[in-house]
Amino acid sequence: MATRAAASALFGSAVEYFDFTLFATASALYLGPVFFAPLGALQATLAAFITFGSAFVARPLGAVVFGHIGDRRGRRTALIWSVTLMGLATTTIGLLPDYGSIGIGAPVLLLVLRLLQGLSAGGEQPGSNALSLEHAPGEARNRFTAWSMQGTSLGTLLGKLAFLAVAWLPQQALLTWGWRLPFLAAGPLMLVAVAIRRTVSEPPAFTAVVAAGEVARVPLAVVLRRHRRLVALVAVATLFGVGGSVLNVYGLSYATSRGLRATDYLAMISVVTALGLVLQPVWARLSDRIGRRPVFIASCLAAAVLYFAYLPSLGTGNVAVVGLASAAMLAAWSAANAVSAA
């Protein structure tokens, strides 16, 4: 069951972050002219990024809502609902009329659906972490739990590849219907994720609490009463996650504005993301031997230093230079990503 829970975390998180990455990539390349055209090129891109960022405001609320469901009704139930919400929201984005068709209603609906994506992602990450962690054997907790984070990286990679597959279309076709195709794939993937999650049982830790009648009426209140300091520490530590958005969203937008072709950047960042998939199990295994904190702290310090090489590289317009800097950043950052769940 520990292996099955890890597989569920891998595939469920992959589907969630495939959907999440689609919006990130589309924000950098297509959503500005499609939904915010009257604002002008620069302002439209900024508006698309603000819409992208709105999901990060919704994610803490999603963590609270789905965390409550997970503690009251079960981890599996919460995860099935979260991945279903993500799949429905993402598919609907692919069907949205553009600004030219319905005016201001288009960006408003896009914002609403993006907020629903954020709610879902906020429930997915902690939920899949808890499910895999509570099933994992004590001596290999991070090796099992890291598969949730592997799923986020795999989903990110698949999202990039999906847009790479349609990027060969003429620009006009991309802006009218081509960008929608990856979003429409979210529905079938969501159904597969739900089917896999239904095969996983609730963790013994949860069923024991239910059997003893000790399920808290308001789990969040218990957490904040007993663990305020740890909650604050974890909240600050999650700022490491900025690295993913810098590599996958800001880097794509800025590098293409400096002469790098979108297809070149997407191909390069796909290879770099695949490197992360190889490295993260190594970091997870290392953390089971020497502890989470040394790996996490070293990773964050290394990434902080490497930003000063990565950010200037984006302005060179040279895919080899950007690729090398991105690979170095990802190698450092992936260690924190691998151990963060545990």
C-alpha atoms as a PDB file:
ATOM      1  CA  MET A   1       0.000   0.000   0.000  1.00  0.00           C
ATOM      2  CA  ALA A   2       2.959   2.327   0.599  1.00  0.00           C
ATOM      3  CA  THR A   3       4.038   1.760  -3.003  1.00  0.00           C
ATOM      4  CA  ARG A   4       0.490   2.267  -4.245  1.00  0.00           C
ATOM      5  CA  ALA A   5       0.183   5.491  -2.239  1.00  0.00           C
ATOM      6  CA  ALA A   6       3.480   6.729  -3.703  1.00  0.00           C
ATOM      7  CA  ALA A   7       2.252   5.895  -7.216  1.00  0.00           C
ATOM      8  CA  SER A   8      -0.994   7.736  -6.517  1.00  0.00           C
ATOM      9  CA  ALA A   9       0.985  10.764  -5.283  1.00  0.00           C
ATOM     10  CA  LEU A  10       3.205  10.630  -8.375  1.00  0.00           C
ATOM     11  CA  PHE A  11       0.426  10.452 -10.935  1.00  0.00           C
ATOM     12  CA  GLY A  12      -2.044  12.699  -9.100  1.00  0.00           C
ATOM     13  CA  SER A  13       0.550  15.435  -8.590  1.00  0.00           C
ATOM     14  CA  ALA A  14       1.697  15.010 -12.199  1.00  0.00           C
ATOM     15  CA  VAL A  15      -1.838  15.629 -13.474  1.00  0.00           C
ATOM     16  CA  GLU A  16      -2.300  18.606 -11.117  1.00  0.00           C
ATOM     17  CA  TYR A  17       0.961  20.232 -12.147  1.00  0.00           C
ATOM     18  CA  PHE A  18       0.505  19.403 -15.816  1.00  0.00           C
ATOM     19  CA  ASP A  19      -2.632  21.530 -15.593  1.00  0.00           C
ATOM     20  CA  PHE A  20      -0.929  24.181 -13.454  1.00  0.00           C
ATOM     21  CA  THR A  21       2.054  24.405 -15.837  1.00  0.00           C
ATOM     22  CA  LEU A  22      -0.182  24.777 -18.872  1.00  0.00           C
ATOM     23  CA  PHE A  23      -1.470  28.043 -17.447  1.00  0.00           C
ATOM     24  CA  ALA A  24       2.044  29.177 -16.533  1.00  0.00           C
ATOM     25  CA  THR A  25       3.356  28.579 -20.055  1.00  0.00           C
ATOM     26  CA  ALA A  26       0.291  30.060 -21.719  1.00  0.00           C
ATOM     27  CA  SER A  27       0.589  33.166 -19.508  1.00  0.00           C
ATOM     28  CA  ALA A  28       4.066  33.835 -20.813  1.00  0.00           C
ATOM     29  CA  LEU A  29       3.173  33.280 -24.472  1.00  0.00           C
ATOM     30  CA  TYR A  30      -0.524  33.398 -25.395  1.00  0.00           C
ATOM     31  CA  LEU A  31      -3.039  34.497 -22.739  1.00  0.00           C
ATOM     32  CA  GLY A  32      -2.082  38.185 -22.957  1.00  0.00           C
ATOM     33  CA  PRO A  33      -3.132  38.728 -26.594  1.00  0.00           C
ATOM     34  CA  VAL A  34      -6.095  36.330 -26.302  1.00  0.00           C
ATOM     35  CA  PHE A  35      -7.743  37.703 -23.131  1.00  0.00           C
ATOM     36  CA  PHE A  36      -6.185  41.139 -22.543  1.00  0.00           C
ATOM     37  CA  ALA A  37      -5.541  42.431 -26.086  1.00  0.00           C
ATOM     38  CA  PRO A  38      -6.911  46.002 -25.583  1.00  0.00           C
ATOM     39  CA  LEU A  39      -4.235  46.688 -22.940  1.00  0.00           C
ATOM     40  CA  GLY A  40      -1.323  46.562 -25.383  1.00  0.00           C
ATOM     41  CA  ALA A  41       1.471  43.984 -25.578  1.00  0.00           C
ATOM     42  CA  LEU A  42       3.382  44.713 -22.347  1.00  0.00           C
ATOM     43  CA  GLN A  43       0.350  45.409 -20.182  1.00  0.00           C
ATOM     44  CA  ALA A  44      -1.422  42.330 -21.572  1.00  0.00           C
ATOM     45  CA  THR A  45       1.522  40.136 -20.550  1.00  0.00           C
ATOM     46  CA  LEU A  46       1.542  41.716 -17.083  1.00  0.00           C
ATOM     47  CA  ALA A  47      -2.218  41.123 -16.760  1.00  0.00           C
ATOM     48  CA  ALA A  48      -1.724  37.478 -17.755  1.00  0.00           C
ATOM     49  CA  PHE A  49       0.999  37.132 -15.104  1.00  0.00           C
ATOM     50  CA  ILE A  50      -1.230  38.725 -12.452  1.00  0.00           C
ATOM     51  CA  THR A  51      -3.940  36.222 -13.335  1.00  0.00           C
ATOM     52  CA  PHE A  52      -1.353  33.440 -13.114  1.00  0.00           C
ATOM     53  CA  GLY A  53      -0.244  34.733  -9.717  1.00  0.00           C
ATOM     54  CA  SER A  54      -3.792  34.851  -8.340  1.00  0.00           C
ATOM     55  CA  ALA A  55      -3.656  31.082  -7.892  1.00  0.00           C
ATOM     56  CA  PHE A  56      -0.908  31.497  -5.303  1.00  0.00           C
ATOM     57  CA  VAL A  57      -3.288  33.657  -3.255  1.00  0.00           C
ATOM     58  CA  ALA A  58      -5.915  30.912  -3.456  1.00  0.00           C
ATOM     59  CA  ARG A  59      -3.549  28.054  -2.607  1.00  0.00           C
ATOM     60  CA  PRO A  60      -3.422  28.638   1.182  1.00  0.00           C
ATOM     61  CA  LEU A  61      -7.223  28.662   1.247  1.00  0.00           C
ATOM     62  CA  GLY A  62      -7.223  25.427  -0.769  1.00  0.00           C
ATOM     63  CA  ALA A  63      -4.830  23.893   1.755  1.00  0.00           C
ATOM     64  CA  VAL A  64      -7.194  24.837   4.593  1.00  0.00           C
ATOM     65  CA  VAL A  65     -10.366  23.633   2.825  1.00  0.00           C
ATOM     66  CA  PHE A  66      -8.997  20.340   1.502  1.00  0.00           C
ATOM     67  CA  GLY A  67      -6.911  19.836   4.632  1.00  0.00           C
ATOM     68  CA  HIS A  68     -10.129  20.065   6.654  1.00  0.00           C
ATOM     69  CA  ILE A  69     -11.806  17.545   4.361  1.00  0.00           C
ATOM     70  CA  GLY A  70      -8.740  15.277   4.557  1.00  0.00           C
ATOM     71  CA  ASP A  71      -8.722  15.314   8.359  1.00  0.00           C
ATOM     72  CA  ARG A  72     -12.483  14.905   8.658  1.00  0.00           C
ATOM     73  CA  ARG A  73     -13.421  12.671   5.712  1.00  0.00           C
ATOM     74  CA  GLY A  74     -10.132  11.088   4.711  1.00  0.00           C
ATOM     75  CA  ARG A  75      -7.051  11.868   2.649  1.00  0.00           C
ATOM     76  CA  ARG A  76      -8.225   9.871  -0.342  1.00  0.00           C
ATOM     77  CA  THR A  77     -11.575  11.684  -0.482  1.00  0.00           C
ATOM     78  CA  ALA A  78      -9.908  15.096  -0.363  1.00  0.00           C
ATOM     79  CA  LEU A  79      -7.439  14.126  -3.091  1.00  0.00           C
ATOM     80  CA  ILE A  80     -10.132  12.780  -5.415  1.00  0.00           C
ATOM     81  CA  TRP A  81     -12.059  16.048  -5.058  1.00  0.00           C
ATOM     82  CA  SER A  82      -8.960  18.213  -5.549  1.00  0.00           C
ATOM     83  CA  VAL A  83      -7.796  16.512  -8.759  1.00  0.00           C
ATOM     84  CA  THR A  84     -11.377  16.549 -10.114  1.00  0.00           C
ATOM     85  CA  LEU A  85     -11.634  20.295  -9.508  1.00  0.00           C
ATOM     86  CA  MET A  86      -8.305  20.894 -11.260  1.00  0.00           C
ATOM     87  CA  GLY A  87      -9.289  18.792 -14.273  1.00  0.00           C
ATOM     88  CA  LEU A  88     -12.654  20.534 -14.689  1.00  0.00           C
ATOM     89  CA  ALA A  89     -11.200  24.034 -14.277  1.00  0.00           C
ATOM     90  CA  THR A  90      -8.365  23.396 -16.739  1.00  0.00           C
ATOM     91  CA  THR A  91     -10.615  21.851 -19.385  1.00  0.00           C
ATOM     92  CA  THR A  92     -13.020  24.796 -19.098  1.00  0.00           C
ATOM     93  CA  ILE A  93     -10.127  27.249 -19.642  1.00  0.00           C
ATOM     94  CA  GLY A  94      -9.496  25.478 -22.949  1.00  0.00           C
ATOM     95  CA  LEU A  95     -13.112  26.166 -23.949  1.00  0.00           C
ATOM     96  CA  LEU A  96     -13.289  29.841 -22.884  1.00  0.00           C
ATOM     97  CA  PRO A  97     -14.262  32.427 -25.531  1.00  0.00           C
ATOM     98  CA  ASP A  98     -11.643  35.152 -26.044  1.00  0.00           C
ATOM     99  CA  TYR A  99     -11.903  38.896 -25.392  1.00  0.00           C
ATOM    100  CA  GLY A 100     -12.989  39.561 -28.959  1.00  0.00           C
ATOM    101  CA  SER A 101     -16.023  37.288 -28.490  1.00  0.00           C
ATOM    102  CA  ILE A 102     -17.431  38.258 -25.082  1.00  0.00           C
ATOM    103  CA  GLY A 103     -15.404  41.276 -23.988  1.00  0.00           C
ATOM    104  CA  ILE A 104     -14.568  41.783 -20.306  1.00  0.00           C
ATOM    105  CA  GLY A 105     -16.356  38.539 -19.410  1.00  0.00           C
ATOM    106  CA  ALA A 106     -13.448  36.555 -20.882  1.00  0.00           C
ATOM    107  CA  PRO A 107     -10.688  37.727 -18.496  1.00  0.00           C
ATOM    108  CA  VAL A 108     -13.124  37.634 -15.541  1.00  0.00           C
ATOM    109  CA  LEU A 109     -13.982  33.982 -16.225  1.00  0.00           C
ATOM    110  CA  LEU A 110     -10.293  33.218 -16.756  1.00  0.00           C
ATOM    111  CA  LEU A 111      -9.511  34.695 -13.323  1.00  0.00           C
ATOM    112  CA  VAL A 112     -12.270  32.657 -11.654  1.00  0.00           C
ATOM    113  CA  LEU A 113     -11.025  29.421 -13.212  1.00  0.00           C
ATOM    114  CA  ARG A 114      -7.434  30.262 -12.262  1.00  0.00           C
ATOM    115  CA  LEU A 115      -8.522  30.761  -8.648  1.00  0.00           C
ATOM    116  CA  LEU A 116     -10.187  27.332  -8.750  1.00  0.00           C
ATOM    117  CA  GLN A 117      -6.901  25.896 -10.032  1.00  0.00           C
ATOM    118  CA  GLY A 118      -5.175  27.517  -7.064  1.00  0.00           C
ATOM    119  CA  LEU A 119      -7.679  26.034  -4.605  1.00  0.00           C
ATOM    120  CA  SER A 120      -7.102  22.614  -6.098  1.00  0.00           C
ATOM    121  CA  ALA A 121      -3.300  22.862  -6.090  1.00  0.00           C
ATOM    122  CA  GLY A 122      -3.410  24.040  -2.477  1.00  0.00           C
ATOM    123  CA  GLY A 123      -5.201  20.835  -1.539  1.00  0.00           C
ATOM    124  CA  GLU A 124      -3.206  18.499  -3.775  1.00  0.00           C
ATOM    125  CA  GLN A 125       0.298  19.068  -2.493  1.00  0.00           C
ATOM    126  CA  PRO A 126      -0.247  18.667   1.264  1.00  0.00           C
ATOM    127  CA  GLY A 127      -2.846  15.956   0.696  1.00  0.00           C
ATOM    128  CA  SER A 128      -0.645  13.723  -1.451  1.00  0.00           C
ATOM    129  CA  ASN A 129       2.278  14.400   0.887  1.00  0.00           C
ATOM    130  CA  ALA A 130       0.230  13.244   3.880  1.00  0.00           C
ATOM    131  CA  LEU A 131      -1.127  10.159   2.117  1.00  0.00           C
ATOM    132  CA  SER A 132       2.300   8.923   0.978  1.00  0.00           C
ATOM    133  CA  LEU A 133       4.075   9.918   4.215  1.00  0.00           C
ATOM    134  CA  GLU A 134       1.578   8.139   6.475  1.00  0.00           C
ATOM    135  CA  HIS A 135       1.837   4.935   4.431  1.00  0.00           C
ATOM    136  CA  ALA A 136       5.650   5.041   4.162  1.00  0.00           C
ATOM    137  CA  PRO A 137       7.963   2.851   6.310  1.00  0.00           C
ATOM    138  CA  GLY A 138       9.858   4.938   8.875  1.00  0.00           C
ATOM    139  CA  GLU A 139      13.363   4.201   7.585  1.00  0.00           C
ATOM    140  CA  ALA A 140      12.508   5.344   4.043  1.00  0.00           C
ATOM    141  CA  ARG A 141       9.958   8.093   4.561  1.00  0.00           C
ATOM    142  CA  ASN A 142      11.472  10.572   2.151  1.00  0.00           C
ATOM    143  CA  ARG A 143      12.122   7.997  -0.549  1.00  0.00           C
ATOM    144  CA  PHE A 144       8.379   7.329  -0.625  1.00  0.00           C
ATOM    145  CA  THR A 145       7.151  10.869   0.056  1.00  0.00           C
ATOM    146  CA  ALA A 146       9.452  12.369  -2.592  1.00  0.00           C
ATOM    147  CA  TRP A 147       7.323  10.723  -5.286  1.00  0.00           C
ATOM    148  CA  SER A 148       4.753  13.434  -4.665  1.00  0.00           C
ATOM    149  CA  MET A 149       7.379  16.030  -5.567  1.00  0.00           C
ATOM    150  CA  GLN A 150       8.495  13.871  -8.480  1.00  0.00           C
ATOM    151  CA  GLY A 151       4.929  14.161  -9.680  1.00  0.00           C
ATOM    152  CA  THR A 152       5.071  17.955  -9.647  1.00  0.00           C
ATOM    153  CA  SER A 153       8.273  17.862 -11.715  1.00  0.00           C
ATOM    154  CA  LEU A 154       6.857  15.272 -14.105  1.00  0.00           C
ATOM    155  CA  GLY A 155       3.682  17.320 -14.564  1.00  0.00           C
ATOM    156  CA  THR A 156       5.778  20.414 -15.218  1.00  0.00           C
ATOM    157  CA  LEU A 157       7.783  18.524 -17.838  1.00  0.00           C
ATOM    158  CA  LEU A 158       4.663  17.163 -19.550  1.00  0.00           C
ATOM    159  CA  GLY A 159       3.104  20.637 -19.583  1.00  0.00           C
ATOM    160  CA  LYS A 160       6.168  22.038 -21.355  1.00  0.00           C
ATOM    161  CA  LEU A 161       6.191  19.165 -23.853  1.00  0.00           C
ATOM    162  CA  ALA A 162       2.493  19.669 -24.561  1.00  0.00           C
ATOM    163  CA  PHE A 163       3.108  23.265 -25.631  1.00  0.00           C
ATOM    164  CA  LEU A 164       6.268  22.278 -27.476  1.00  0.00           C
ATOM    165  CA  ALA A 165       4.099  19.895 -29.513  1.00  0.00           C
ATOM    166  CA  VAL A 166       1.788  22.694 -30.692  1.00  0.00           C
ATOM    167  CA  ALA A 167       4.383  25.496 -30.920  1.00  0.00           C
ATOM    168  CA  TRP A 168       5.102  24.638 -34.581  1.00  0.00           C
ATOM    169  CA  LEU A 169       1.658  25.947 -35.565  1.00  0.00           C
ATOM    170  CA  PRO A 170       1.416  29.385 -37.241  1.00  0.00           C
ATOM    171  CA  GLN A 171       1.057  32.214 -34.708  1.00  0.00           C
ATOM    172  CA  GLN A 172      -2.510  32.998 -35.764  1.00  0.00           C
ATOM    173  CA  ALA A 173      -3.562  29.371 -35.331  1.00  0.00           C
ATOM    174  CA  LEU A 174      -1.868  29.253 -31.926  1.00  0.00           C
ATOM    175  CA  LEU A 175      -3.739  32.328 -30.727  1.00  0.00           C
ATOM    176  CA  THR A 176      -7.122  31.136 -31.970  1.00  0.00           C
ATOM    177  CA  TRP A 177      -7.201  27.407 -31.184  1.00  0.00           C
ATOM    178  CA  GLY A 178      -3.734  25.863 -30.905  1.00  0.00           C
ATOM    179  CA  TRP A 179      -3.071  26.966 -27.298  1.00  0.00           C
ATOM    180  CA  ARG A 180      -6.333  25.309 -26.241  1.00  0.00           C
ATOM    181  CA  LEU A 181      -5.351  21.751 -27.188  1.00  0.00           C
ATOM    182  CA  PRO A 182      -3.121  21.012 -24.149  1.00  0.00           C
ATOM    183  CA  PHE A 183      -5.858  22.333 -21.819  1.00  0.00           C
ATOM    184  CA  LEU A 184      -8.438  19.995 -23.345  1.00  0.00           C
ATOM    185  CA  ALA A 185      -6.215  17.004 -22.537  1.00  0.00           C
ATOM    186  CA  ALA A 186      -6.730  17.696 -18.820  1.00  0.00           C
ATOM    187  CA  GLY A 187     -10.136  15.999 -18.664  1.00  0.00           C
ATOM    188  CA  PRO A 188      -9.051  12.466 -19.664  1.00  0.00           C
ATOM    189  CA  LEU A 189      -5.927  12.695 -17.488  1.00  0.00           C
ATOM    190  CA  MET A 190      -8.074  13.699 -14.512  1.00  0.00           C
ATOM    191  CA  LEU A 191     -10.219  10.573 -14.948  1.00  0.00           C
ATOM    192  CA  VAL A 192      -7.119   8.351 -14.893  1.00  0.00           C
ATOM    193  CA  ALA A 193      -5.850  10.070 -11.725  1.00  0.00           C
ATOM    194  CA  VAL A 194      -9.197   9.557  -9.990  1.00  0.00           C
ATOM    195  CA  ALA A 195      -9.203   5.862 -10.942  1.00  0.00           C
ATOM    196  CA  ILE A 196      -5.710   5.366  -9.492  1.00  0.00           C
ATOM    197  CA  ARG A 197      -6.538   7.213  -6.287  1.00  0.00           C
ATOM    198  CA  ARG A 198      -9.596   5.055  -5.670  1.00  0.00           C
ATOM    199  CA  THR A 199      -7.291   2.033  -5.312  1.00  0.00           C
ATOM    200  CA  VAL A 200      -5.450   3.503  -2.288  1.00  0.00           C
ATOM    201  CA  SER A 201      -6.753   2.868   1.215  1.00  0.00           C
ATOM    202  CA  GLU A 202      -6.729   5.451   3.987  1.00  0.00           C
ATOM    203  CA  PRO A 203      -3.520   5.430   6.086  1.00  0.00           C
ATOM    204  CA  PRO A 204      -3.594   3.480   9.390  1.00  0.00           C
ATOM    205  CA  ALA A 205      -2.838   6.714  11.280  1.00  0.00           C
ATOM    206  CA  PHE A 206      -6.100   8.218  10.019  1.00  0.00           C
ATOM    207  CA  THR A 207      -8.273   5.124  10.443  1.00  0.00           C
ATOM    208  CA  ALA A 208      -7.018   4.741  14.031  1.00  0.00           C
ATOM    209  CA  VAL A 209      -8.077   8.298  14.871  1.00  0.00           C
ATOM    210  CA  VAL A 210     -11.505   7.693  13.312  1.00  0.00           C
ATOM    211  CA  ALA A 211     -11.923   4.396  15.184  1.00  0.00           C
ATOM    212  CA  ALA A 212     -11.051   6.094  18.465  1.00  0.00           C
ATOM    213  CA  GLY A 213     -13.550   8.893  17.786  1.00  0.00           C
ATOM    214  CA  GLU A 214     -10.793  11.497  18.062  1.00  0.00           C
ATOM    215  CA  VAL A 215     -11.382  13.384  14.810  1.00  0.00           C
ATOM    216  CA  ALA A 216     -11.155  17.107  15.573  1.00  0.00           C
ATOM    217  CA  ARG A 217     -14.170  19.236  14.686  1.00  0.00           C
ATOM    218  CA  VAL A 218     -11.893  22.058  13.474  1.00  0.00           C
ATOM    219  CA  PRO A 219      -8.475  20.517  12.677  1.00  0.00           C
ATOM    220  CA  LEU A 220      -6.954  23.885  11.721  1.00  0.00           C
ATOM    221  CA  ALA A 221      -7.637  25.256  15.206  1.00  0.00           C
ATOM    222  CA  VAL A 222      -5.754  22.315  16.738  1.00  0.00           C
ATOM    223  CA  VAL A 223      -2.772  22.865  14.445  1.00  0.00           C
ATOM    224  CA  LEU A 224      -2.562  26.586  15.163  1.00  0.00           C
ATOM    225  CA  ARG A 225      -2.992  26.075  18.917  1.00  0.00           C
ATOM    226  CA  ARG A 226      -0.294  23.403  19.234  1.00  0.00           C
ATOM    227  CA  HIS A 227       2.139  24.130  16.404  1.00  0.00           C
ATOM    228  CA  ARG A 228       2.131  27.887  15.679  1.00  0.00           C
ATOM    229  CA  ARG A 229       5.922  28.145  15.543  1.00  0.00           C
ATOM    230  CA  LEU A 230       6.288  25.218  13.152  1.00  0.00           C
ATOM    231  CA  VAL A 231       3.509  26.547  10.913  1.00  0.00           C
ATOM    232  CA  ALA A 232       5.339  29.900  10.672  1.00  0.00           C
ATOM    233  CA  LEU A 233       8.667  28.183   9.914  1.00  0.00           C
ATOM    234  CA  VAL A 234       7.150  26.023   7.176  1.00  0.00           C
ATOM    235  CA  ALA A 235       5.323  29.004   5.662  1.00  0.00           C
ATOM    236  CA  VAL A 236       8.571  30.971   5.366  1.00  0.00           C
ATOM    237  CA  ALA A 237      10.525  27.926   4.147  1.00  0.00           C
ATOM    238  CA  THR A 238       8.090  27.413   1.264  1.00  0.00           C
ATOM    239  CA  LEU A 239       9.476  30.591  -0.328  1.00  0.00           C
ATOM    240  CA  PHE A 240      12.019  28.246  -1.929  1.00  0.00           C
ATOM    241  CA  GLY A 241       9.196  27.384  -4.346  1.00  0.00           C
ATOM    242  CA  VAL A 242       9.764  30.719  -6.130  1.00  0.00           C
ATOM    243  CA  GLY A 243      12.536  28.890  -7.998  1.00  0.00           C
ATOM    244  CA  GLY A 244      10.046  26.837  -9.985  1.00  0.00           C
ATOM    245  CA  SER A 245       8.136  29.893 -11.196  1.00  0.00           C
ATOM    246  CA  VAL A 246      11.329  31.758 -12.069  1.00  0.00           C
ATOM    247  CA  LEU A 247      12.563  28.898 -14.241  1.00  0.00           C
ATOM    248  CA  ASN A 248       9.261  28.010 -15.859  1.00  0.00           C
ATOM    249  CA  VAL A 249       7.391  31.315 -16.182  1.00  0.00           C
ATOM    250  CA  TYR A 250       9.522  34.428 -15.784  1.00  0.00           C
ATOM    251  CA  GLY A 251      12.495  32.851 -17.562  1.00  0.00           C
ATOM    252  CA  LEU A 252      10.365  31.889 -20.555  1.00  0.00           C
ATOM    253  CA  SER A 253       8.800  35.342 -20.868  1.00  0.00           C
ATOM    254  CA  TYR A 254      12.006  37.335 -20.385  1.00  0.00           C
ATOM    255  CA  ALA A 255      14.264  35.125 -22.517  1.00  0.00           C
ATOM    256  CA  THR A 256      11.833  35.204 -25.453  1.00  0.00           C
ATOM    257  CA  SER A 257      11.609  39.002 -25.164  1.00  0.00           C
ATOM    258  CA  ARG A 258      15.406  39.061 -25.585  1.00  0.00           C
ATOM    259  CA  GLY A 259      15.484  37.114 -28.829  1.00  0.00           C
ATOM    260  CA  LEU A 260      15.324  33.468 -27.737  1.00  0.00           C
ATOM    261  CA  ARG A 261      12.684  31.459 -29.596  1.00  0.00           C
ATOM    262  CA  ALA A 262       9.902  30.019 -27.436  1.00  0.00           C
ATOM    263  CA  THR A 263      10.446  26.541 -28.903  1.00  0.00           C
ATOM    264  CA  ASP A 264      14.151  26.691 -28.015  1.00  0.00           C
ATOM    265  CA  TYR A 265      13.440  27.707 -24.414  1.00  0.00           C
ATOM    266  CA  LEU A 266      10.697  25.097 -24.000  1.00  0.00           C
ATOM    267  CA  ALA A 267      12.960  22.362 -25.359  1.00  0.00           C
ATOM    268  CA  MET A 268      15.832  23.493 -23.130  1.00  0.00           C
ATOM    269  CA  ILE A 269      13.742  23.761 -19.955  1.00  0.00           C
ATOM    270  CA  SER A 270      12.188  20.349 -20.685  1.00  0.00           C
ATOM    271  CA  VAL A 271      15.654  18.771 -20.692  1.00  0.00           C
ATOM    272  CA  VAL A 272      16.540  20.652 -17.502  1.00  0.00           C
ATOM    273  CA  THR A 273      13.306  19.492 -15.809  1.00  0.00           C
ATOM    274  CA  ALA A 274      14.120  15.900 -16.799  1.00  0.00           C
ATOM    275  CA  LEU A 275      17.464  16.380 -15.041  1.00  0.00           C
ATOM    276  CA  GLY A 276      15.519  17.250 -11.897  1.00  0.00           C
ATOM    277  CA  LEU A 277      13.556  14.006 -12.171  1.00  0.00           C
ATOM    278  CA  VAL A 278      16.864  12.124 -12.124  1.00  0.00           C
ATOM    279  CA  LEU A 279      18.367  14.099  -9.241  1.00  0.00           C
ATOM    280  CA  GLN A 280      15.421  14.290  -6.850  1.00  0.00           C
ATOM    281  CA  PRO A 281      15.430  10.584  -5.859  1.00  0.00           C
ATOM    282  CA  VAL A 282      19.158  10.960  -5.128  1.00  0.00           C
ATOM    283  CA  TRP A 283      18.502  13.914  -2.807  1.00  0.00           C
ATOM    284  CA  ALA A 284      15.617  12.011  -1.178  1.00  0.00           C
ATOM    285  CA  ARG A 285      17.789   8.978  -0.486  1.00  0.00           C
ATOM    286  CA  LEU A 286      20.549  11.234   0.888  1.00  0.00           C
ATOM    287  CA  SER A 287      18.091  12.950   3.235  1.00  0.00           C
ATOM    288  CA  ASP A 288      16.998   9.561   4.622  1.00  0.00           C
ATOM    289  CA  ARG A 289      20.665   9.056   5.590  1.00  0.00           C
ATOM    290  CA  ILE A 290      21.788  12.477   6.863  1.00  0.00           C
ATOM    291  CA  GLY A 291      18.510  14.297   7.579  1.00  0.00           C
ATOM    292  CA  ARG A 292      16.181  16.724   5.823  1.00  0.00           C
ATOM    293  CA  ARG A 293      17.534  19.997   7.180  1.00  0.00           C
ATOM    294  CA  PRO A 294      21.141  19.775   5.881  1.00  0.00           C
ATOM    295  CA  VAL A 295      19.910  18.954   2.371  1.00  0.00           C
ATOM    296  CA  PHE A 296      17.199  21.636   2.399  1.00  0.00           C
ATOM    297  CA  ILE A 297      19.425  24.405   3.801  1.00  0.00           C
ATOM    298  CA  ALA A 298      22.335  23.657   1.446  1.00  0.00           C
ATOM    299  CA  SER A 299      19.938  23.632  -1.501  1.00  0.00           C
ATOM    300  CA  CYS A 300      18.395  27.008  -0.665  1.00  0.00           C
ATOM    301  CA  LEU A 301      21.790  28.649  -0.094  1.00  0.00           C
ATOM    302  CA  ALA A 302      23.169  27.300  -3.375  1.00  0.00           C
ATOM    303  CA  ALA A 303      20.089  28.427  -5.325  1.00  0.00           C
ATOM    304  CA  ALA A 304      20.243  31.897  -3.738  1.00  0.00           C
ATOM    305  CA  VAL A 305      23.814  32.327  -4.999  1.00  0.00           C
ATOM    306  CA  LEU A 306      23.089  30.874  -8.448  1.00  0.00           C
ATOM    307  CA  TYR A 307      20.272  33.370  -9.096  1.00  0.00           C
ATOM    308  CA  PHE A 308      23.007  35.961  -9.689  1.00  0.00           C
ATOM    309  CA  ALA A 309      24.268  33.906 -12.628  1.00  0.00           C
ATOM    310  CA  TYR A 310      20.902  32.662 -13.898  1.00  0.00           C
ATOM    311  CA  LEU A 311      19.022  35.965 -14.179  1.00  0.00           C
ATOM    312  CA  PRO A 312      21.684  37.783 -16.286  1.00  0.00           C
ATOM    313  CA  SER A 313      21.972  34.728 -18.555  1.00  0.00           C
ATOM    314  CA  LEU A 314      18.362  35.223 -19.698  1.00  0.00           C
ATOM    315  CA  GLY A 315      19.300  38.453 -21.428  1.00  0.00           C
ATOM    316  CA  THR A 316      21.993  36.884 -23.600  1.00  0.00           C
ATOM    317  CA  GLY A 317      19.580  35.293 -26.076  1.00  0.00           C
ATOM    318  CA  ASN A 318      21.964  32.321 -26.230  1.00  0.00           C
ATOM    319  CA  VAL A 319      20.190  29.013 -25.569  1.00  0.00           C
ATOM    320  CA  ALA A 320      23.405  27.252 -24.517  1.00  0.00           C
ATOM    321  CA  VAL A 321      24.226  29.907 -21.903  1.00  0.00           C
ATOM    322  CA  VAL A 322      20.658  29.978 -20.591  1.00  0.00           C
ATOM    323  CA  GLY A 323      20.547  26.174 -20.569  1.00  0.00           C
ATOM    324  CA  LEU A 324      23.748  25.866 -18.560  1.00  0.00           C
ATOM    325  CA  ALA A 325      22.600  28.452 -16.005  1.00  0.00           C
ATOM    326  CA  SER A 326      19.149  26.809 -15.795  1.00  0.00           C
ATOM    327  CA  ALA A 327      20.669  23.351 -15.253  1.00  0.00           C
ATOM    328  CA  ALA A 328      22.846  24.667 -12.422  1.00  0.00           C
ATOM    329  CA  MET A 329      19.866  26.391 -10.800  1.00  0.00           C
ATOM    330  CA  LEU A 330      17.664  23.313 -11.150  1.00  0.00           C
ATOM    331  CA  ALA A 331      20.332  20.982  -9.771  1.00  0.00           C
ATOM    332  CA  ALA A 332      20.586  23.111  -6.632  1.00  0.00           C
ATOM    333  CA  TRP A 333      16.877  23.875  -6.271  1.00  0.00           C
ATOM    334  CA  SER A 334      15.715  20.290  -6.843  1.00  0.00           C
ATOM    335  CA  ALA A 335      17.253  19.162  -3.545  1.00  0.00           C
ATOM    336  CA  ALA A 336      14.944  21.431  -1.535  1.00  0.00           C
ATOM    337  CA  ASN A 337      12.017  20.338  -3.705  1.00  0.00           C
ATOM    338  CA  ALA A 338      12.814  16.663  -3.091  1.00  0.00           C
ATOM    339  CA  VAL A 339      12.882  16.899   0.706  1.00  0.00           C
ATOM    340  CA  SER A 340      10.280  19.610   1.293  1.00  0.00           C
ATOM    341  CA  ALA A 341       7.361  17.203   1.668  1.00  0.00           C
ATOM    342  CA  ALA A 342       9.058  15.065   4.315  1.00  0.00           C
END
